[in-house]
Amino acid sequence: MLKDYRRVMKTAKRPSWEEFKQASKITGLAMLIIGFLGLMISMVFQWMGV
């Protein structure tokens, strides 16, 4: 198990600033979409009186 950990740590690299910005934008957009869908579902249930 420790051997696998070492192998992963040797091959892993730190993302560049551009990669980090792109991942942050995608993550933020996904959070907004999921939040919006949750809001819409909540509003539909309130409208239906459930």
C-alpha atoms as a PDB file:
ATOM      1  CA  MET A   1       0.000   0.000   0.000  1.00  0.00           C
ATOM      2  CA  LEU A   2       2.810   2.410   0.834  1.00  0.00           C
ATOM      3  CA  LYS A   3       4.481   1.464  -2.444  1.00  0.00           C
ATOM      4  CA  ASP A   4       1.350   2.504  -4.364  1.00  0.00           C
ATOM      5  CA  TYR A   5       1.252   5.794  -2.475  1.00  0.00           C
ATOM      6  CA  ARG A   6       4.859   6.550  -3.397  1.00  0.00           C
ATOM      7  CA  ARG A   7       4.211   5.725  -7.054  1.00  0.00           C
ATOM      8  CA  VAL A   8       1.241   8.081  -7.182  1.00  0.00           C
ATOM      9  CA  MET A   9       3.158  10.881  -5.473  1.00  0.00           C
ATOM     10  CA  LYS A  10       6.051  10.511  -7.928  1.00  0.00           C
ATOM     11  CA  THR A  11       3.824  10.671 -11.007  1.00  0.00           C
ATOM     12  CA  ALA A  12       1.463  13.377  -9.739  1.00  0.00           C
ATOM     13  CA  LYS A  13       2.217  16.951 -10.704  1.00  0.00           C
ATOM     14  CA  ARG A  14       0.948  20.272  -9.575  1.00  0.00           C
ATOM     15  CA  PRO A  15      -1.510  21.864 -12.022  1.00  0.00           C
ATOM     16  CA  SER A  16      -0.489  24.992 -13.844  1.00  0.00           C
ATOM     17  CA  TRP A  17      -2.301  28.228 -13.116  1.00  0.00           C
ATOM     18  CA  GLU A  18      -4.274  27.891 -16.376  1.00  0.00           C
ATOM     19  CA  GLU A  19      -5.375  24.351 -15.518  1.00  0.00           C
ATOM     20  CA  PHE A  20      -6.417  25.500 -12.052  1.00  0.00           C
ATOM     21  CA  LYS A  21      -8.438  28.430 -13.418  1.00  0.00           C
ATOM     22  CA  GLN A  22     -10.196  26.201 -15.950  1.00  0.00           C
ATOM     23  CA  ALA A  23     -11.057  23.565 -13.323  1.00  0.00           C
ATOM     24  CA  SER A  24     -12.335  26.297 -10.987  1.00  0.00           C
ATOM     25  CA  LYS A  25     -14.577  27.765 -13.680  1.00  0.00           C
ATOM     26  CA  ILE A  26     -16.026  24.363 -14.565  1.00  0.00           C
ATOM     27  CA  THR A  27     -16.610  23.511 -10.901  1.00  0.00           C
ATOM     28  CA  GLY A  28     -18.273  26.868 -10.240  1.00  0.00           C
ATOM     29  CA  LEU A  29     -20.509  26.531 -13.286  1.00  0.00           C
ATOM     30  CA  ALA A  30     -21.549  23.024 -12.233  1.00  0.00           C
ATOM     31  CA  MET A  31     -22.385  24.298  -8.739  1.00  0.00           C
ATOM     32  CA  LEU A  32     -24.539  27.077 -10.198  1.00  0.00           C
ATOM     33  CA  ILE A  33     -26.397  24.668 -12.487  1.00  0.00           C
ATOM     34  CA  ILE A  34     -27.076  22.187  -9.674  1.00  0.00           C
ATOM     35  CA  GLY A  35     -28.208  25.001  -7.368  1.00  0.00           C
ATOM     36  CA  PHE A  36     -30.522  26.390 -10.037  1.00  0.00           C
ATOM     37  CA  LEU A  37     -32.046  22.956 -10.653  1.00  0.00           C
ATOM     38  CA  GLY A  38     -32.590  22.501  -6.908  1.00  0.00           C
ATOM     39  CA  LEU A  39     -34.273  25.894  -6.717  1.00  0.00           C
ATOM     40  CA  MET A  40     -36.556  25.058  -9.638  1.00  0.00           C
ATOM     41  CA  ILE A  41     -37.526  21.709  -8.118  1.00  0.00           C
ATOM     42  CA  SER A  42     -38.209  23.380  -4.775  1.00  0.00           C
ATOM     43  CA  MET A  43     -40.379  26.046  -6.429  1.00  0.00           C
ATOM     44  CA  VAL A  44     -42.365  23.407  -8.356  1.00  0.00           C
ATOM     45  CA  PHE A  45     -43.039  21.465  -5.138  1.00  0.00           C
ATOM     46  CA  GLN A  46     -44.115  24.662  -3.349  1.00  0.00           C
ATOM     47  CA  TRP A  47     -46.408  25.547  -6.220  1.00  0.00           C
ATOM     48  CA  MET A  48     -47.941  22.050  -6.120  1.00  0.00           C
ATOM     49  CA  GLY A  49     -48.397  22.311  -2.352  1.00  0.00           C
ATOM     50  CA  VAL A  50     -46.393  19.189  -1.595  1.00  0.00           C
END
